[in-house]
């Protein structure tokens, strides 16, 4: 079941919405103000766990970039 992120165009709050399938096409209402004027956000996701034989992150750092230290991205 996919989870999509939305941004309310009225109150500018972000919220998540769970869908039963990727083909479901409904427009949610903002839980903060009730507006149906929302925009789907592009979001990234993080993967947890390790692959078999993997001793750590192959990208170094926090896994969100290729740097060896997170001081440049945090």
PDB file of N, CA and C in Angstrom:
ATOM      1  N   UNK A   1       0.839  -1.176   0.000  1.00  0.00           N
ATOM      2  CA  UNK A   1       0.000   0.000   0.000  1.00  0.00           C
ATOM      3  C   UNK A   1       0.887   1.243   0.000  1.00  0.00           C
ATOM      4  N   UNK A   2       0.758   2.077  -0.994  1.00  0.00           N
ATOM      5  CA  UNK A   2       1.594   3.280  -1.061  1.00  0.00           C
ATOM      6  C   UNK A   2       1.118   4.375  -0.111  1.00  0.00           C
ATOM      7  N   UNK A   3       2.067   5.142   0.366  1.00  0.00           N
ATOM      8  CA  UNK A   3       1.800   6.322   1.175  1.00  0.00           C
ATOM      9  C   UNK A   3       2.283   7.526   0.374  1.00  0.00           C
ATOM     10  N   UNK A   4       1.398   8.481   0.145  1.00  0.00           N
ATOM     11  CA  UNK A   4       1.749   9.679  -0.611  1.00  0.00           C
ATOM     12  C   UNK A   4       1.783  10.881   0.310  1.00  0.00           C
ATOM     13  N   UNK A   5       2.662  11.829  -0.005  1.00  0.00           N
ATOM     14  CA  UNK A   5       2.749  13.076   0.743  1.00  0.00           C
ATOM     15  C   UNK A   5       2.046  14.172  -0.049  1.00  0.00           C
ATOM     16  N   UNK A   6       1.319  15.010   0.672  1.00  0.00           N
ATOM     17  CA  UNK A   6       0.595  16.115   0.052  1.00  0.00           C
ATOM     18  C   UNK A   6       0.931  17.411   0.764  1.00  0.00           C
ATOM     19  N   UNK A   7       0.760  18.515   0.062  1.00  0.00           N
ATOM     20  CA  UNK A   7       0.905  19.851   0.624  1.00  0.00           C
ATOM     21  C   UNK A   7      -0.414  20.569   0.434  1.00  0.00           C
ATOM     22  N   UNK A   8      -0.959  21.117   1.514  1.00  0.00           N
ATOM     23  CA  UNK A   8      -2.195  21.885   1.438  1.00  0.00           C
ATOM     24  C   UNK A   8      -1.866  23.263   0.877  1.00  0.00           C
ATOM     25  N   UNK A   9      -2.570  23.650  -0.174  1.00  0.00           N
ATOM     26  CA  UNK A   9      -2.326  24.942  -0.799  1.00  0.00           C
ATOM     27  C   UNK A   9      -2.985  26.088  -0.033  1.00  0.00           C
ATOM     28  N   UNK A  10      -3.872  25.759   0.911  1.00  0.00           N
ATOM     29  CA  UNK A  10      -4.539  26.790   1.718  1.00  0.00           C
ATOM     30  C   UNK A  10      -3.740  27.141   2.966  1.00  0.00           C
ATOM     31  N   UNK A  11      -3.378  26.111   3.760  1.00  0.00           N
ATOM     32  CA  UNK A  11      -2.671  26.381   5.028  1.00  0.00           C
ATOM     33  C   UNK A  11      -1.185  26.008   4.985  1.00  0.00           C
ATOM     34  N   UNK A  12      -0.731  25.435   3.872  1.00  0.00           N
ATOM     35  CA  UNK A  12       0.674  25.101   3.642  1.00  0.00           C
ATOM     36  C   UNK A  12       1.229  24.044   4.584  1.00  0.00           C
ATOM     37  N   UNK A  13       0.365  23.186   5.114  1.00  0.00           N
ATOM     38  CA  UNK A  13       0.812  22.074   5.963  1.00  0.00           C
ATOM     39  C   UNK A  13       0.997  20.831   5.096  1.00  0.00           C
ATOM     40  N   UNK A  14       1.974  20.018   5.436  1.00  0.00           N
ATOM     41  CA  UNK A  14       2.209  18.747   4.754  1.00  0.00           C
ATOM     42  C   UNK A  14       1.526  17.632   5.520  1.00  0.00           C
ATOM     43  N   UNK A  15       1.054  16.617   4.789  1.00  0.00           N
ATOM     44  CA  UNK A  15       0.456  15.452   5.439  1.00  0.00           C
ATOM     45  C   UNK A  15       0.602  14.238   4.533  1.00  0.00           C
ATOM     46  N   UNK A  16       0.498  13.058   5.122  1.00  0.00           N
ATOM     47  CA  UNK A  16       0.601  11.788   4.409  1.00  0.00           C
ATOM     48  C   UNK A  16      -0.780  11.175   4.268  1.00  0.00           C
ATOM     49  N   UNK A  17      -0.955  10.413   3.210  1.00  0.00           N
ATOM     50  CA  UNK A  17      -2.226   9.726   2.984  1.00  0.00           C
ATOM     51  C   UNK A  17      -1.924   8.309   2.481  1.00  0.00           C
ATOM     52  N   UNK A  18      -2.530   7.320   3.115  1.00  0.00           N
ATOM     53  CA  UNK A  18      -2.354   5.921   2.746  1.00  0.00           C
ATOM     54  C   UNK A  18      -3.387   5.543   1.693  1.00  0.00           C
ATOM     55  N   UNK A  19      -2.943   4.898   0.636  1.00  0.00           N
ATOM     56  CA  UNK A  19      -3.829   4.441  -0.438  1.00  0.00           C
ATOM     57  C   UNK A  19      -3.818   2.920  -0.483  1.00  0.00           C
ATOM     58  N   UNK A  20      -4.926   2.316  -0.871  1.00  0.00           N
ATOM     59  CA  UNK A  20      -5.014   0.860  -0.959  1.00  0.00           C
ATOM     60  C   UNK A  20      -4.211   0.304  -2.122  1.00  0.00           C
ATOM     61  N   UNK A  21      -4.076   1.078  -3.198  1.00  0.00           N
ATOM     62  CA  UNK A  21      -3.265   0.660  -4.347  1.00  0.00           C
ATOM     63  C   UNK A  21      -2.727   1.896  -5.050  1.00  0.00           C
ATOM     64  N   UNK A  22      -1.710   1.695  -5.874  1.00  0.00           N
ATOM     65  CA  UNK A  22      -1.109   2.814  -6.595  1.00  0.00           C
ATOM     66  C   UNK A  22      -2.059   3.379  -7.640  1.00  0.00           C
ATOM     67  N   UNK A  23      -3.053   2.600  -8.059  1.00  0.00           N
ATOM     68  CA  UNK A  23      -3.988   3.067  -9.085  1.00  0.00           C
ATOM     69  C   UNK A  23      -5.167   3.861  -8.509  1.00  0.00           C
ATOM     70  N   UNK A  24      -5.275   3.923  -7.187  1.00  0.00           N
ATOM     71  CA  UNK A  24      -6.366   4.675  -6.562  1.00  0.00           C
ATOM     72  C   UNK A  24      -6.201   6.164  -6.856  1.00  0.00           C
ATOM     73  N   UNK A  25      -7.250   6.811  -7.283  1.00  0.00           N
ATOM     74  CA  UNK A  25      -7.181   8.210  -7.725  1.00  0.00           C
ATOM     75  C   UNK A  25      -8.143   9.104  -6.956  1.00  0.00           C
ATOM     76  N   UNK A  26      -7.929   9.279  -5.682  1.00  0.00           N
ATOM     77  CA  UNK A  26      -8.792  10.187  -4.926  1.00  0.00           C
ATOM     78  C   UNK A  26      -7.963  11.370  -4.443  1.00  0.00           C
ATOM     79  N   UNK A  27      -8.613  12.487  -4.270  1.00  0.00           N
ATOM     80  CA  UNK A  27      -7.954  13.704  -3.796  1.00  0.00           C
ATOM     81  C   UNK A  27      -8.317  13.877  -2.325  1.00  0.00           C
ATOM     82  N   UNK A  28      -7.349  13.755  -1.413  1.00  0.00           N
ATOM     83  CA  UNK A  28      -7.666  13.864   0.010  1.00  0.00           C
ATOM     84  C   UNK A  28      -7.916  15.305   0.444  1.00  0.00           C
ATOM     85  N   UNK A  29      -8.533  15.445   1.596  1.00  0.00           N
ATOM     86  CA  UNK A  29      -8.728  16.757   2.217  1.00  0.00           C
ATOM     87  C   UNK A  29      -7.650  16.954   3.278  1.00  0.00           C
ATOM     88  N   UNK A  30      -7.220  18.172   3.465  1.00  0.00           N
ATOM     89  CA  UNK A  30      -6.215  18.498   4.471  1.00  0.00           C
ATOM     90  C   UNK A  30      -6.767  18.209   5.863  1.00  0.00           C
ATOM     91  N   UNK A  31      -6.034  17.450   6.682  1.00  0.00           N
ATOM     92  CA  UNK A  31      -6.518  17.181   8.036  1.00  0.00           C
ATOM     93  C   UNK A  31      -6.482  18.400   8.953  1.00  0.00           C
ATOM     94  N   UNK A  32      -5.701  19.418   8.616  1.00  0.00           N
ATOM     95  CA  UNK A  32      -5.606  20.619   9.452  1.00  0.00           C
ATOM     96  C   UNK A  32      -6.735  21.608   9.208  1.00  0.00           C
ATOM     97  N   UNK A  33      -7.023  21.898   7.920  1.00  0.00           N
ATOM     98  CA  UNK A  33      -8.025  22.926   7.631  1.00  0.00           C
ATOM     99  C   UNK A  33      -9.221  22.404   6.830  1.00  0.00           C
ATOM    100  N   UNK A  34      -9.142  21.165   6.328  1.00  0.00           N
ATOM    101  CA  UNK A  34     -10.261  20.573   5.596  1.00  0.00           C
ATOM    102  C   UNK A  34     -10.315  20.929   4.120  1.00  0.00           C
ATOM    103  N   UNK A  35      -9.369  21.720   3.636  1.00  0.00           N
ATOM    104  CA  UNK A  35      -9.371  22.132   2.236  1.00  0.00           C
ATOM    105  C   UNK A  35      -9.073  20.941   1.319  1.00  0.00           C
ATOM    106  N   UNK A  36      -9.702  20.934   0.152  1.00  0.00           N
ATOM    107  CA  UNK A  36      -9.406  19.902  -0.845  1.00  0.00           C
ATOM    108  C   UNK A  36      -8.410  20.424  -1.883  1.00  0.00           C
ATOM    109  N   UNK A  37      -7.914  21.639  -1.675  1.00  0.00           N
ATOM    110  CA  UNK A  37      -6.896  22.226  -2.557  1.00  0.00           C
ATOM    111  C   UNK A  37      -5.524  21.740  -2.092  1.00  0.00           C
ATOM    112  N   UNK A  38      -5.136  20.562  -2.559  1.00  0.00           N
ATOM    113  CA  UNK A  38      -3.872  19.960  -2.154  1.00  0.00           C
ATOM    114  C   UNK A  38      -3.063  19.593  -3.388  1.00  0.00           C
ATOM    115  N   UNK A  39      -1.767  19.484  -3.195  1.00  0.00           N
ATOM    116  CA  UNK A  39      -0.852  19.121  -4.263  1.00  0.00           C
ATOM    117  C   UNK A  39      -0.004  17.943  -3.790  1.00  0.00           C
ATOM    118  N   UNK A  40       0.157  16.932  -4.655  1.00  0.00           N
ATOM    119  CA  UNK A  40       0.996  15.790  -4.302  1.00  0.00           C
ATOM    120  C   UNK A  40       2.448  16.232  -4.348  1.00  0.00           C
ATOM    121  N   UNK A  41       3.199  15.898  -3.307  1.00  0.00           N
ATOM    122  CA  UNK A  41       4.601  16.264  -3.225  1.00  0.00           C
ATOM    123  C   UNK A  41       5.465  15.142  -3.765  1.00  0.00           C
ATOM    124  N   UNK A  42       6.600  15.496  -4.325  1.00  0.00           N
ATOM    125  CA  UNK A  42       7.599  14.510  -4.688  1.00  0.00           C
ATOM    126  C   UNK A  42       8.361  14.197  -3.421  1.00  0.00           C
ATOM    127  N   UNK A  43       8.462  12.940  -3.075  1.00  0.00           N
ATOM    128  CA  UNK A  43       9.165  12.596  -1.849  1.00  0.00           C
ATOM    129  C   UNK A  43      10.131  11.458  -2.093  1.00  0.00           C
ATOM    130  N   UNK A  44      11.163  11.438  -1.300  1.00  0.00           N
ATOM    131  CA  UNK A  44      12.124  10.347  -1.355  1.00  0.00           C
ATOM    132  C   UNK A  44      11.838   9.414  -0.190  1.00  0.00           C
ATOM    133  N   UNK A  45      12.420   8.258  -0.221  1.00  0.00           N
ATOM    134  CA  UNK A  45      12.217   7.313   0.866  1.00  0.00           C
ATOM    135  C   UNK A  45      13.555   6.744   1.280  1.00  0.00           C
ATOM    136  N   UNK A  46      13.607   6.229   2.483  1.00  0.00           N
ATOM    137  CA  UNK A  46      14.822   5.615   3.007  1.00  0.00           C
ATOM    138  C   UNK A  46      14.598   4.121   3.109  1.00  0.00           C
ATOM    139  N   UNK A  47      15.616   3.375   2.812  1.00  0.00           N
ATOM    140  CA  UNK A  47      15.525   1.923   2.935  1.00  0.00           C
ATOM    141  C   UNK A  47      16.357   1.506   4.134  1.00  0.00           C
ATOM    142  N   UNK A  48      15.787   0.682   4.971  1.00  0.00           N
ATOM    143  CA  UNK A  48      16.502   0.194   6.133  1.00  0.00           C
ATOM    144  C   UNK A  48      17.009  -1.216   5.894  1.00  0.00           C
ATOM    145  N   UNK A  49      17.814  -1.682   6.812  1.00  0.00           N
ATOM    146  CA  UNK A  49      18.320  -3.046   6.702  1.00  0.00           C
ATOM    147  C   UNK A  49      19.585  -3.113   5.876  1.00  0.00           C
ATOM    148  N   UNK A  50      20.126  -4.329   5.803  1.00  0.00           N
ATOM    149  CA  UNK A  50      21.358  -4.550   5.060  1.00  0.00           C
ATOM    150  C   UNK A  50      21.162  -5.684   4.076  1.00  0.00           C
ATOM    151  N   UNK A  51      21.818  -5.588   2.955  1.00  0.00           N
ATOM    152  CA  UNK A  51      21.810  -6.685   1.995  1.00  0.00           C
ATOM    153  C   UNK A  51      22.710  -7.787   2.509  1.00  0.00           C
ATOM    154  N   UNK A  52      22.499  -8.984   2.071  1.00  0.00           N
ATOM    155  CA  UNK A  52      23.303 -10.113   2.483  1.00  0.00           C
ATOM    156  C   UNK A  52      24.772  -9.857   2.162  1.00  0.00           C
ATOM    157  N   UNK A  53      25.632  -9.983   3.175  1.00  0.00           N
ATOM    158  CA  UNK A  53      27.051  -9.767   2.979  1.00  0.00           C
ATOM    159  C   UNK A  53      27.444  -8.305   2.985  1.00  0.00           C
ATOM    160  N   UNK A  54      26.526  -7.426   3.201  1.00  0.00           N
ATOM    161  CA  UNK A  54      26.803  -5.990   3.223  1.00  0.00           C
ATOM    162  C   UNK A  54      27.283  -5.612   4.612  1.00  0.00           C
ATOM    163  N   UNK A  55      28.412  -4.929   4.699  1.00  0.00           N
ATOM    164  CA  UNK A  55      28.946  -4.545   5.997  1.00  0.00           C
ATOM    165  C   UNK A  55      28.592  -3.124   6.362  1.00  0.00           C
ATOM    166  N   UNK A  56      27.769  -2.462   5.578  1.00  0.00           N
ATOM    167  CA  UNK A  56      27.380  -1.089   5.872  1.00  0.00           C
ATOM    168  C   UNK A  56      26.931  -0.402   4.617  1.00  0.00           C
ATOM    169  N   UNK A  57      26.774   0.891   4.707  1.00  0.00           N
ATOM    170  CA  UNK A  57      26.310   1.669   3.565  1.00  0.00           C
ATOM    171  C   UNK A  57      27.400   1.788   2.523  1.00  0.00           C
ATOM    172  N   UNK A  58      27.088   1.519   1.270  1.00  0.00           N
ATOM    173  CA  UNK A  58      28.070   1.626   0.212  1.00  0.00           C
ATOM    174  C   UNK A  58      28.305   3.065  -0.195  1.00  0.00           C
ATOM    175  N   UNK A  59      27.398   3.958   0.181  1.00  0.00           N
ATOM    176  CA  UNK A  59      27.547   5.349  -0.214  1.00  0.00           C
ATOM    177  C   UNK A  59      28.286   6.165   0.830  1.00  0.00           C
ATOM    178  N   UNK A  60      28.572   5.584   1.989  1.00  0.00           N
ATOM    179  CA  UNK A  60      29.236   6.332   3.038  1.00  0.00           C
ATOM    180  C   UNK A  60      28.276   7.295   3.698  1.00  0.00           C
ATOM    181  N   UNK A  61      28.751   8.001   4.709  1.00  0.00           N
ATOM    182  CA  UNK A  61      27.921   9.003   5.365  1.00  0.00           C
ATOM    183  C   UNK A  61      26.606   8.442   5.874  1.00  0.00           C
ATOM    184  N   UNK A  62      25.556   9.194   5.662  1.00  0.00           N
ATOM    185  CA  UNK A  62      24.249   8.828   6.195  1.00  0.00           C
ATOM    186  C   UNK A  62      23.411   8.016   5.219  1.00  0.00           C
ATOM    187  N   UNK A  63      23.904   7.770   4.022  1.00  0.00           N
ATOM    188  CA  UNK A  63      23.147   7.029   3.035  1.00  0.00           C
ATOM    189  C   UNK A  63      22.322   7.918   2.134  1.00  0.00           C
ATOM    190  N   UNK A  64      22.214   9.199   2.471  1.00  0.00           N
ATOM    191  CA  UNK A  64      21.447  10.126   1.664  1.00  0.00           C
ATOM    192  C   UNK A  64      22.298  10.835   0.618  1.00  0.00           C
ATOM    193  N   UNK A  65      23.595  10.633   0.691  1.00  0.00           N
ATOM    194  CA  UNK A  65      24.490  11.260  -0.273  1.00  0.00           C
ATOM    195  C   UNK A  65      25.736  10.404  -0.401  1.00  0.00           C
ATOM    196  N   UNK A  66      26.678  10.825  -1.191  1.00  0.00           N
ATOM    197  CA  UNK A  66      27.894  10.034  -1.393  1.00  0.00           C
ATOM    198  C   UNK A  66      29.072  10.565  -0.577  1.00  0.00           C
ATOM    199  N   UNK A  67      28.831  11.514   0.291  1.00  0.00           N
ATOM    200  CA  UNK A  67      29.909  12.071   1.111  1.00  0.00           C
ATOM    201  C   UNK A  67      30.277  11.098   2.229  1.00  0.00           C
ATOM    202  N   UNK A  68      31.488  11.187   2.712  1.00  0.00           N
ATOM    203  CA  UNK A  68      31.923  10.310   3.798  1.00  0.00           C
ATOM    204  C   UNK A  68      31.522  10.848   5.166  1.00  0.00           C
ATOM    205  N   UNK A  69      31.042  12.082   5.214  1.00  0.00           N
ATOM    206  CA  UNK A  69      30.622  12.698   6.464  1.00  0.00           C
ATOM    207  C   UNK A  69      29.285  13.411   6.243  1.00  0.00           C
ATOM    208  N   UNK A  70      28.424  13.374   7.236  1.00  0.00           N
ATOM    209  CA  UNK A  70      27.119  14.038   7.118  1.00  0.00           C
ATOM    210  C   UNK A  70      27.198  15.529   7.425  1.00  0.00           C
ATOM    211  N   UNK A  71      28.358  16.039   7.770  1.00  0.00           N
ATOM    212  CA  UNK A  71      28.450  17.453   8.117  1.00  0.00           C
ATOM    213  C   UNK A  71      28.115  18.357   6.946  1.00  0.00           C
ATOM    214  N   UNK A  72      28.266  17.866   5.712  1.00  0.00           N
ATOM    215  CA  UNK A  72      27.963  18.683   4.546  1.00  0.00           C
ATOM    216  C   UNK A  72      26.487  18.678   4.175  1.00  0.00           C
ATOM    217  N   UNK A  73      25.746  17.673   4.645  1.00  0.00           N
ATOM    218  CA  UNK A  73      24.335  17.596   4.239  1.00  0.00           C
ATOM    219  C   UNK A  73      23.376  17.771   5.418  1.00  0.00           C
ATOM    220  N   UNK A  74      23.862  17.905   6.605  1.00  0.00           N
ATOM    221  CA  UNK A  74      22.990  18.092   7.776  1.00  0.00           C
ATOM    222  C   UNK A  74      23.318  19.370   8.473  1.00  0.00           C
TER     223      UNK A  74
END
